[in-house]
Amino acid sequence: MTAIADPRPSINSSVYDLSPGATSTDVRELLEVKLMHLEAMLVMTWGVGGEAFRKQSAAVQDGFMWSCHAIVEECRELANLTGLLVDDRQ
């Protein structure tokens, strides 16, 4: 399968700049919120919710899944940021 460049914008590393007072706890809490958002969205893709999802146009389904992917990328970036923060439990 040939990879095709995706014309949609993706998250970049400048989205989450750390404020001087940010702690690893702050980043973990934001990561937890993002994961809750993703979970809520994905619930709509299976079971009863999935029936309505599958009735949507291909463009709507594609946009929805792209949104889920964007949240995954945000979570990945947030997880990487936790390694950049000094552990505030010291």
PDB file of N, CA and C in Angstrom:
ATOM      1  N   MET A   1       0.841  -1.178   0.000  1.00  0.00           N
ATOM      2  CA  MET A   1       0.000   0.000   0.000  1.00  0.00           C
ATOM      3  C   MET A   1       0.888   1.244   0.000  1.00  0.00           C
ATOM      4  N   THR A   2       0.583   2.180  -0.843  1.00  0.00           N
ATOM      5  CA  THR A   2       1.351   3.408  -0.957  1.00  0.00           C
ATOM      6  C   THR A   2       0.811   4.450   0.015  1.00  0.00           C
ATOM      7  N   ALA A   3       1.705   5.066   0.752  1.00  0.00           N
ATOM      8  CA  ALA A   3       1.284   6.119   1.683  1.00  0.00           C
ATOM      9  C   ALA A   3       0.955   7.382   0.912  1.00  0.00           C
ATOM     10  N   ILE A   4      -0.129   8.004   1.260  1.00  0.00           N
ATOM     11  CA  ILE A   4      -0.543   9.263   0.637  1.00  0.00           C
ATOM     12  C   ILE A   4      -0.452  10.344   1.703  1.00  0.00           C
ATOM     13  N   ALA A   5       0.138  11.454   1.342  1.00  0.00           N
ATOM     14  CA  ALA A   5       0.263  12.567   2.293  1.00  0.00           C
ATOM     15  C   ALA A   5      -1.125  13.065   2.674  1.00  0.00           C
ATOM     16  N   ASP A   6      -1.355  13.225   3.947  1.00  0.00           N
ATOM     17  CA  ASP A   6      -2.640  13.707   4.439  1.00  0.00           C
ATOM     18  C   ASP A   6      -2.631  15.234   4.421  1.00  0.00           C
ATOM     19  N   PRO A   7      -3.557  15.863   3.685  1.00  0.00           N
ATOM     20  CA  PRO A   7      -3.558  17.321   3.580  1.00  0.00           C
ATOM     21  C   PRO A   7      -4.055  18.026   4.834  1.00  0.00           C
ATOM     22  N   ARG A   8      -4.646  17.284   5.766  1.00  0.00           N
ATOM     23  CA  ARG A   8      -5.184  17.910   6.975  1.00  0.00           C
ATOM     24  C   ARG A   8      -4.047  18.257   7.927  1.00  0.00           C
ATOM     25  N   PRO A   9      -4.194  19.341   8.649  1.00  0.00           N
ATOM     26  CA  PRO A   9      -3.141  19.723   9.591  1.00  0.00           C
ATOM     27  C   PRO A   9      -3.064  18.729  10.742  1.00  0.00           C
ATOM     28  N   SER A  10      -1.888  18.582  11.281  1.00  0.00           N
ATOM     29  CA  SER A  10      -1.730  17.729  12.452  1.00  0.00           C
ATOM     30  C   SER A  10      -1.157  18.562  13.583  1.00  0.00           C
ATOM     31  N   ILE A  11      -1.200  17.987  14.761  1.00  0.00           N
ATOM     32  CA  ILE A  11      -0.680  18.694  15.937  1.00  0.00           C
ATOM     33  C   ILE A  11       0.822  18.909  15.768  1.00  0.00           C
ATOM     34  N   ASN A  12       1.299  20.012  16.267  1.00  0.00           N
ATOM     35  CA  ASN A  12       2.750  20.220  16.244  1.00  0.00           C
ATOM     36  C   ASN A  12       3.221  20.486  17.667  1.00  0.00           C
ATOM     37  N   SER A  13       4.505  20.424  17.859  1.00  0.00           N
ATOM     38  CA  SER A  13       5.047  20.491  19.209  1.00  0.00           C
ATOM     39  C   SER A  13       4.857  21.847  19.878  1.00  0.00           C
ATOM     40  N   SER A  14       4.439  22.853  19.147  1.00  0.00           N
ATOM     41  CA  SER A  14       4.255  24.157  19.779  1.00  0.00           C
ATOM     42  C   SER A  14       2.866  24.309  20.407  1.00  0.00           C
ATOM     43  N   VAL A  15       2.004  23.325  20.232  1.00  0.00           N
ATOM     44  CA  VAL A  15       0.656  23.430  20.781  1.00  0.00           C
ATOM     45  C   VAL A  15       0.688  23.448  22.299  1.00  0.00           C
ATOM     46  N   TYR A  16       1.496  22.586  22.884  1.00  0.00           N
ATOM     47  CA  TYR A  16       1.576  22.501  24.335  1.00  0.00           C
ATOM     48  C   TYR A  16       2.911  23.052  24.813  1.00  0.00           C
ATOM     49  N   ASP A  17       2.977  24.355  24.930  1.00  0.00           N
ATOM     50  CA  ASP A  17       4.146  24.970  25.544  1.00  0.00           C
ATOM     51  C   ASP A  17       3.918  24.956  27.046  1.00  0.00           C
ATOM     52  N   LEU A  18       4.956  24.652  27.776  1.00  0.00           N
ATOM     53  CA  LEU A  18       4.837  24.583  29.227  1.00  0.00           C
ATOM     54  C   LEU A  18       4.899  25.971  29.834  1.00  0.00           C
ATOM     55  N   SER A  19       3.958  26.253  30.704  1.00  0.00           N
ATOM     56  CA  SER A  19       4.046  27.501  31.442  1.00  0.00           C
ATOM     57  C   SER A  19       5.072  27.295  32.550  1.00  0.00           C
ATOM     58  N   PRO A  20       5.677  28.361  33.026  1.00  0.00           N
ATOM     59  CA  PRO A  20       6.724  28.216  34.052  1.00  0.00           C
ATOM     60  C   PRO A  20       6.268  27.468  35.298  1.00  0.00           C
ATOM     61  N   GLY A  21       4.994  27.557  35.629  1.00  0.00           N
ATOM     62  CA  GLY A  21       4.511  26.903  36.834  1.00  0.00           C
ATOM     63  C   GLY A  21       3.934  25.513  36.618  1.00  0.00           C
ATOM     64  N   ALA A  22       4.006  24.999  35.384  1.00  0.00           N
ATOM     65  CA  ALA A  22       3.416  23.693  35.091  1.00  0.00           C
ATOM     66  C   ALA A  22       4.135  22.582  35.835  1.00  0.00           C
ATOM     67  N   THR A  23       3.348  21.661  36.339  1.00  0.00           N
ATOM     68  CA  THR A  23       3.907  20.506  37.032  1.00  0.00           C
ATOM     69  C   THR A  23       3.560  19.244  36.261  1.00  0.00           C
ATOM     70  N   SER A  24       4.222  18.170  36.601  1.00  0.00           N
ATOM     71  CA  SER A  24       3.906  16.906  35.943  1.00  0.00           C
ATOM     72  C   SER A  24       2.463  16.498  36.256  1.00  0.00           C
ATOM     73  N   THR A  25       1.968  16.888  37.412  1.00  0.00           N
ATOM     74  CA  THR A  25       0.576  16.596  37.765  1.00  0.00           C
ATOM     75  C   THR A  25      -0.380  17.327  36.822  1.00  0.00           C
ATOM     76  N   ASP A  26      -0.076  18.577  36.488  1.00  0.00           N
ATOM     77  CA  ASP A  26      -0.907  19.340  35.548  1.00  0.00           C
ATOM     78  C   ASP A  26      -0.982  18.629  34.198  1.00  0.00           C
ATOM     79  N   VAL A  27       0.154  18.180  33.717  1.00  0.00           N
ATOM     80  CA  VAL A  27       0.204  17.520  32.411  1.00  0.00           C
ATOM     81  C   VAL A  27      -0.538  16.189  32.472  1.00  0.00           C
ATOM     82  N   ARG A  28      -0.342  15.440  33.543  1.00  0.00           N
ATOM     83  CA  ARG A  28      -1.049  14.151  33.688  1.00  0.00           C
ATOM     84  C   ARG A  28      -2.559  14.358  33.732  1.00  0.00           C
ATOM     85  N   GLU A  29      -3.011  15.401  34.418  1.00  0.00           N
ATOM     86  CA  GLU A  29      -4.449  15.674  34.483  1.00  0.00           C
ATOM     87  C   GLU A  29      -5.007  16.025  33.110  1.00  0.00           C
ATOM     88  N   LEU A  30      -4.284  16.823  32.336  1.00  0.00           N
ATOM     89  CA  LEU A  30      -4.719  17.155  30.983  1.00  0.00           C
ATOM     90  C   LEU A  30      -4.735  15.903  30.115  1.00  0.00           C
ATOM     91  N   LEU A  31      -3.741  15.057  30.277  1.00  0.00           N
ATOM     92  CA  LEU A  31      -3.695  13.806  29.529  1.00  0.00           C
ATOM     93  C   LEU A  31      -4.907  12.931  29.872  1.00  0.00           C
ATOM     94  N   GLU A  32      -5.262  12.852  31.134  1.00  0.00           N
ATOM     95  CA  GLU A  32      -6.431  12.079  31.547  1.00  0.00           C
ATOM     96  C   GLU A  32      -7.714  12.628  30.928  1.00  0.00           C
ATOM     97  N   VAL A  33      -7.850  13.941  30.874  1.00  0.00           N
ATOM     98  CA  VAL A  33      -9.030  14.570  30.268  1.00  0.00           C
ATOM     99  C   VAL A  33      -9.103  14.220  28.783  1.00  0.00           C
ATOM    100  N   LYS A  34      -7.976  14.330  28.087  1.00  0.00           N
ATOM    101  CA  LYS A  34      -7.947  14.005  26.655  1.00  0.00           C
ATOM    102  C   LYS A  34      -8.332  12.550  26.422  1.00  0.00           C
ATOM    103  N   LEU A  35      -7.843  11.649  27.275  1.00  0.00           N
ATOM    104  CA  LEU A  35      -8.179  10.232  27.126  1.00  0.00           C
ATOM    105  C   LEU A  35      -9.665   9.987  27.399  1.00  0.00           C
ATOM    106  N   MET A  36     -10.259  10.729  28.338  1.00  0.00           N
ATOM    107  CA  MET A  36     -11.698  10.611  28.575  1.00  0.00           C
ATOM    108  C   MET A  36     -12.487  11.092  27.352  1.00  0.00           C
ATOM    109  N   HIS A  37     -12.021  12.172  26.723  1.00  0.00           N
ATOM    110  CA  HIS A  37     -12.679  12.663  25.503  1.00  0.00           C
ATOM    111  C   HIS A  37     -12.631  11.592  24.420  1.00  0.00           C
ATOM    112  N   LEU A  38     -11.468  11.000  24.235  1.00  0.00           N
ATOM    113  CA  LEU A  38     -11.305   9.977  23.211  1.00  0.00           C
ATOM    114  C   LEU A  38     -12.198   8.775  23.495  1.00  0.00           C
ATOM    115  N   GLU A  39     -12.225   8.348  24.737  1.00  0.00           N
ATOM    116  CA  GLU A  39     -13.073   7.208  25.104  1.00  0.00           C
ATOM    117  C   GLU A  39     -14.536   7.502  24.802  1.00  0.00           C
ATOM    118  N   ALA A  40     -15.004   8.701  25.158  1.00  0.00           N
ATOM    119  CA  ALA A  40     -16.393   9.074  24.905  1.00  0.00           C
ATOM    120  C   ALA A  40     -16.700   9.070  23.409  1.00  0.00           C
ATOM    121  N   MET A  41     -15.762   9.532  22.618  1.00  0.00           N
ATOM    122  CA  MET A  41     -15.964   9.538  21.167  1.00  0.00           C
ATOM    123  C   MET A  41     -16.014   8.115  20.621  1.00  0.00           C
ATOM    124  N   LEU A  42     -15.110   7.273  21.063  1.00  0.00           N
ATOM    125  CA  LEU A  42     -15.032   5.916  20.523  1.00  0.00           C
ATOM    126  C   LEU A  42     -16.221   5.048  20.929  1.00  0.00           C
ATOM    127  N   VAL A  43     -16.872   5.368  22.032  1.00  0.00           N
ATOM    128  CA  VAL A  43     -18.073   4.627  22.431  1.00  0.00           C
ATOM    129  C   VAL A  43     -19.123   4.699  21.319  1.00  0.00           C
ATOM    130  N   MET A  44     -19.099   5.778  20.554  1.00  0.00           N
ATOM    131  CA  MET A  44     -20.072   5.965  19.484  1.00  0.00           C
ATOM    132  C   MET A  44     -19.755   5.169  18.231  1.00  0.00           C
ATOM    133  N   THR A  45     -18.713   4.348  18.248  1.00  0.00           N
ATOM    134  CA  THR A  45     -18.346   3.599  17.046  1.00  0.00           C
ATOM    135  C   THR A  45     -18.671   2.116  17.145  1.00  0.00           C
ATOM    136  N   TRP A  46     -19.216   1.668  18.255  1.00  0.00           N
ATOM    137  CA  TRP A  46     -19.557   0.250  18.412  1.00  0.00           C
ATOM    138  C   TRP A  46     -20.879   0.109  19.157  1.00  0.00           C
ATOM    139  N   GLY A  47     -21.457  -1.073  19.127  1.00  0.00           N
ATOM    140  CA  GLY A  47     -22.737  -1.310  19.798  1.00  0.00           C
ATOM    141  C   GLY A  47     -23.847  -0.455  19.205  1.00  0.00           C
ATOM    142  N   VAL A  48     -24.764  -0.015  20.057  1.00  0.00           N
ATOM    143  CA  VAL A  48     -25.901   0.788  19.610  1.00  0.00           C
ATOM    144  C   VAL A  48     -25.426   2.093  18.967  1.00  0.00           C
ATOM    145  N   GLY A  49     -24.465   2.753  19.595  1.00  0.00           N
ATOM    146  CA  GLY A  49     -23.926   3.989  19.025  1.00  0.00           C
ATOM    147  C   GLY A  49     -23.278   3.750  17.673  1.00  0.00           C
ATOM    148  N   GLY A  50     -22.677   2.574  17.513  1.00  0.00           N
ATOM    149  CA  GLY A  50     -22.016   2.242  16.257  1.00  0.00           C
ATOM    150  C   GLY A  50     -22.974   2.132  15.090  1.00  0.00           C
ATOM    151  N   GLU A  51     -24.214   1.733  15.380  1.00  0.00           N
ATOM    152  CA  GLU A  51     -25.203   1.650  14.309  1.00  0.00           C
ATOM    153  C   GLU A  51     -25.435   3.029  13.696  1.00  0.00           C
ATOM    154  N   ALA A  52     -25.584   4.041  14.536  1.00  0.00           N
ATOM    155  CA  ALA A  52     -25.776   5.414  14.041  1.00  0.00           C
ATOM    156  C   ALA A  52     -24.523   5.901  13.337  1.00  0.00           C
ATOM    157  N   PHE A  53     -23.361   5.561  13.884  1.00  0.00           N
ATOM    158  CA  PHE A  53     -22.095   5.985  13.274  1.00  0.00           C
ATOM    159  C   PHE A  53     -21.954   5.418  11.866  1.00  0.00           C
ATOM    160  N   ARG A  54     -22.268   4.140  11.700  1.00  0.00           N
ATOM    161  CA  ARG A  54     -22.113   3.494  10.391  1.00  0.00           C
ATOM    162  C   ARG A  54     -23.111   4.002   9.362  1.00  0.00           C
ATOM    163  N   LYS A  55     -24.162   4.679   9.801  1.00  0.00           N
ATOM    164  CA  LYS A  55     -25.135   5.258   8.874  1.00  0.00           C
ATOM    165  C   LYS A  55     -24.673   6.609   8.343  1.00  0.00           C
ATOM    166  N   GLN A  56     -23.634   7.162   8.918  1.00  0.00           N
ATOM    167  CA  GLN A  56     -23.111   8.459   8.473  1.00  0.00           C
ATOM    168  C   GLN A  56     -22.358   8.287   7.154  1.00  0.00           C
ATOM    169  N   SER A  57     -22.191   9.376   6.448  1.00  0.00           N
ATOM    170  CA  SER A  57     -21.458   9.327   5.181  1.00  0.00           C
ATOM    171  C   SER A  57     -19.999   8.975   5.438  1.00  0.00           C
ATOM    172  N   ALA A  58     -19.343   8.519   4.392  1.00  0.00           N
ATOM    173  CA  ALA A  58     -17.917   8.187   4.501  1.00  0.00           C
ATOM    174  C   ALA A  58     -17.115   9.402   4.938  1.00  0.00           C
ATOM    175  N   ALA A  59     -17.485  10.588   4.455  1.00  0.00           N
ATOM    176  CA  ALA A  59     -16.760  11.810   4.819  1.00  0.00           C
ATOM    177  C   ALA A  59     -16.916  12.110   6.311  1.00  0.00           C
ATOM    178  N   VAL A  60     -18.110  11.923   6.849  1.00  0.00           N
ATOM    179  CA  VAL A  60     -18.341  12.164   8.274  1.00  0.00           C
ATOM    180  C   VAL A  60     -17.566  11.145   9.106  1.00  0.00           C
ATOM    181  N   GLN A  61     -17.615   9.867   8.719  1.00  0.00           N
ATOM    182  CA  GLN A  61     -16.878   8.836   9.440  1.00  0.00           C
ATOM    183  C   GLN A  61     -15.370   9.109   9.397  1.00  0.00           C
ATOM    184  N   ASP A  62     -14.890   9.526   8.229  1.00  0.00           N
ATOM    185  CA  ASP A  62     -13.467   9.832   8.087  1.00  0.00           C
ATOM    186  C   ASP A  62     -13.074  11.011   8.973  1.00  0.00           C
ATOM    187  N   GLY A  63     -13.882  12.051   8.978  1.00  0.00           N
ATOM    188  CA  GLY A  63     -13.604  13.215   9.822  1.00  0.00           C
ATOM    189  C   GLY A  63     -13.620  12.861  11.301  1.00  0.00           C
ATOM    190  N   PHE A  64     -14.561  12.013  11.681  1.00  0.00           N
ATOM    191  CA  PHE A  64     -14.665  11.578  13.074  1.00  0.00           C
ATOM    192  C   PHE A  64     -13.416  10.807  13.487  1.00  0.00           C
ATOM    193  N   MET A  65     -13.005   9.860  12.655  1.00  0.00           N
ATOM    194  CA  MET A  65     -11.833   9.063  12.984  1.00  0.00           C
ATOM    195  C   MET A  65     -10.563   9.914  12.947  1.00  0.00           C
ATOM    196  N   TRP A  66     -10.504  10.900  12.061  1.00  0.00           N
ATOM    197  CA  TRP A  66      -9.366  11.814  12.037  1.00  0.00           C
ATOM    198  C   TRP A  66      -9.310  12.601  13.346  1.00  0.00           C
ATOM    199  N   SER A  67     -10.486  12.995  13.860  1.00  0.00           N
ATOM    200  CA  SER A  67     -10.528  13.699  15.153  1.00  0.00           C
ATOM    201  C   SER A  67     -10.007  12.810  16.273  1.00  0.00           C
ATOM    202  N   CYS A  68     -10.381  11.535  16.253  1.00  0.00           N
ATOM    203  CA  CYS A  68      -9.873  10.591  17.251  1.00  0.00           C
ATOM    204  C   CYS A  68      -8.355  10.486  17.145  1.00  0.00           C
ATOM    205  N   HIS A  69      -7.862  10.415  15.932  1.00  0.00           N
ATOM    206  CA  HIS A  69      -6.412  10.331  15.724  1.00  0.00           C
ATOM    207  C   HIS A  69      -5.717  11.587  16.244  1.00  0.00           C
ATOM    208  N   ALA A  70      -6.316  12.749  16.039  1.00  0.00           N
ATOM    209  CA  ALA A  70      -5.727  13.993  16.527  1.00  0.00           C
ATOM    210  C   ALA A  70      -5.607  13.971  18.048  1.00  0.00           C
ATOM    211  N   ILE A  71      -6.613  13.423  18.722  1.00  0.00           N
ATOM    212  CA  ILE A  71      -6.548  13.325  20.182  1.00  0.00           C
ATOM    213  C   ILE A  71      -5.442  12.367  20.597  1.00  0.00           C
ATOM    214  N   VAL A  72      -5.278  11.271  19.872  1.00  0.00           N
ATOM    215  CA  VAL A  72      -4.186  10.332  20.157  1.00  0.00           C
ATOM    216  C   VAL A  72      -2.841  11.050  20.045  1.00  0.00           C
ATOM    217  N   GLU A  73      -2.680  11.864  19.017  1.00  0.00           N
ATOM    218  CA  GLU A  73      -1.432  12.604  18.842  1.00  0.00           C
ATOM    219  C   GLU A  73      -1.216  13.597  19.985  1.00  0.00           C
ATOM    220  N   GLU A  74      -2.288  14.249  20.421  1.00  0.00           N
ATOM    221  CA  GLU A  74      -2.173  15.164  21.566  1.00  0.00           C
ATOM    222  C   GLU A  74      -1.752  14.397  22.815  1.00  0.00           C
ATOM    223  N   CYS A  75      -2.348  13.229  23.014  1.00  0.00           N
ATOM    224  CA  CYS A  75      -1.992  12.411  24.184  1.00  0.00           C
ATOM    225  C   CYS A  75      -0.537  11.972  24.118  1.00  0.00           C
ATOM    226  N   ARG A  76      -0.085  11.613  22.939  1.00  0.00           N
ATOM    227  CA  ARG A  76       1.316  11.213  22.768  1.00  0.00           C
ATOM    228  C   ARG A  76       2.243  12.374  23.124  1.00  0.00           C
ATOM    229  N   GLU A  77       1.892  13.574  22.657  1.00  0.00           N
ATOM    230  CA  GLU A  77       2.716  14.739  22.960  1.00  0.00           C
ATOM    231  C   GLU A  77       2.706  15.045  24.457  1.00  0.00           C
ATOM    232  N   LEU A  78       1.542  14.952  25.068  1.00  0.00           N
ATOM    233  CA  LEU A  78       1.457  15.196  26.509  1.00  0.00           C
ATOM    234  C   LEU A  78       2.257  14.163  27.292  1.00  0.00           C
ATOM    235  N   ALA A  79       2.195  12.916  26.859  1.00  0.00           N
ATOM    236  CA  ALA A  79       2.972  11.868  27.528  1.00  0.00           C
ATOM    237  C   ALA A  79       4.464  12.155  27.403  1.00  0.00           C
ATOM    238  N   ASN A  80       4.888  12.641  26.246  1.00  0.00           N
ATOM    239  CA  ASN A  80       6.296  13.002  26.068  1.00  0.00           C
ATOM    240  C   ASN A  80       6.687  14.177  26.951  1.00  0.00           C
ATOM    241  N   LEU A  81       5.768  15.119  27.141  1.00  0.00           N
ATOM    242  CA  LEU A  81       6.063  16.275  27.991  1.00  0.00           C
ATOM    243  C   LEU A  81       6.291  15.873  29.441  1.00  0.00           C
ATOM    244  N   THR A  82       5.621  14.847  29.906  1.00  0.00           N
ATOM    245  CA  THR A  82       5.798  14.449  31.300  1.00  0.00           C
ATOM    246  C   THR A  82       7.245  14.070  31.573  1.00  0.00           C
ATOM    247  N   GLY A  83       7.953  13.592  30.557  1.00  0.00           N
ATOM    248  CA  GLY A  83       9.365  13.263  30.724  1.00  0.00           C
ATOM    249  C   GLY A  83      10.251  14.495  30.772  1.00  0.00           C
ATOM    250  N   LEU A  84       9.743  15.629  30.312  1.00  0.00           N
ATOM    251  CA  LEU A  84      10.523  16.866  30.313  1.00  0.00           C
ATOM    252  C   LEU A  84      10.392  17.632  31.619  1.00  0.00           C
ATOM    253  N   LEU A  85       9.386  17.307  32.404  1.00  0.00           N
ATOM    254  CA  LEU A  85       9.142  18.032  33.642  1.00  0.00           C
ATOM    255  C   LEU A  85       9.919  17.408  34.793  1.00  0.00           C
ATOM    256  N   VAL A  86      10.398  18.245  35.650  1.00  0.00           N
ATOM    257  CA  VAL A  86      11.038  17.762  36.865  1.00  0.00           C
ATOM    258  C   VAL A  86       9.948  17.188  37.759  1.00  0.00           C
ATOM    259  N   ASP A  87      10.202  16.052  38.331  1.00  0.00           N
ATOM    260  CA  ASP A  87       9.223  15.432  39.210  1.00  0.00           C
ATOM    261  C   ASP A  87       8.955  16.359  40.391  1.00  0.00           C
ATOM    262  N   ASP A  88       7.720  16.813  40.539  1.00  0.00           N
ATOM    263  CA  ASP A  88       7.405  17.813  41.565  1.00  0.00           C
ATOM    264  C   ASP A  88       7.128  17.173  42.915  1.00  0.00           C
ATOM    265  N   ARG A  89       7.365  15.895  43.080  1.00  0.00           N
ATOM    266  CA  ARG A  89       7.158  15.250  44.379  1.00  0.00           C
ATOM    267  C   ARG A  89       8.443  15.290  45.224  1.00  0.00           C
ATOM    268  N   GLN A  90       9.473  15.913  44.710  1.00  0.00           N
ATOM    269  CA  GLN A  90      10.763  15.937  45.410  1.00  0.00           C
ATOM    270  C   GLN A  90      10.670  16.693  46.705  1.00  0.00           C
TER     271      GLN A  90
END
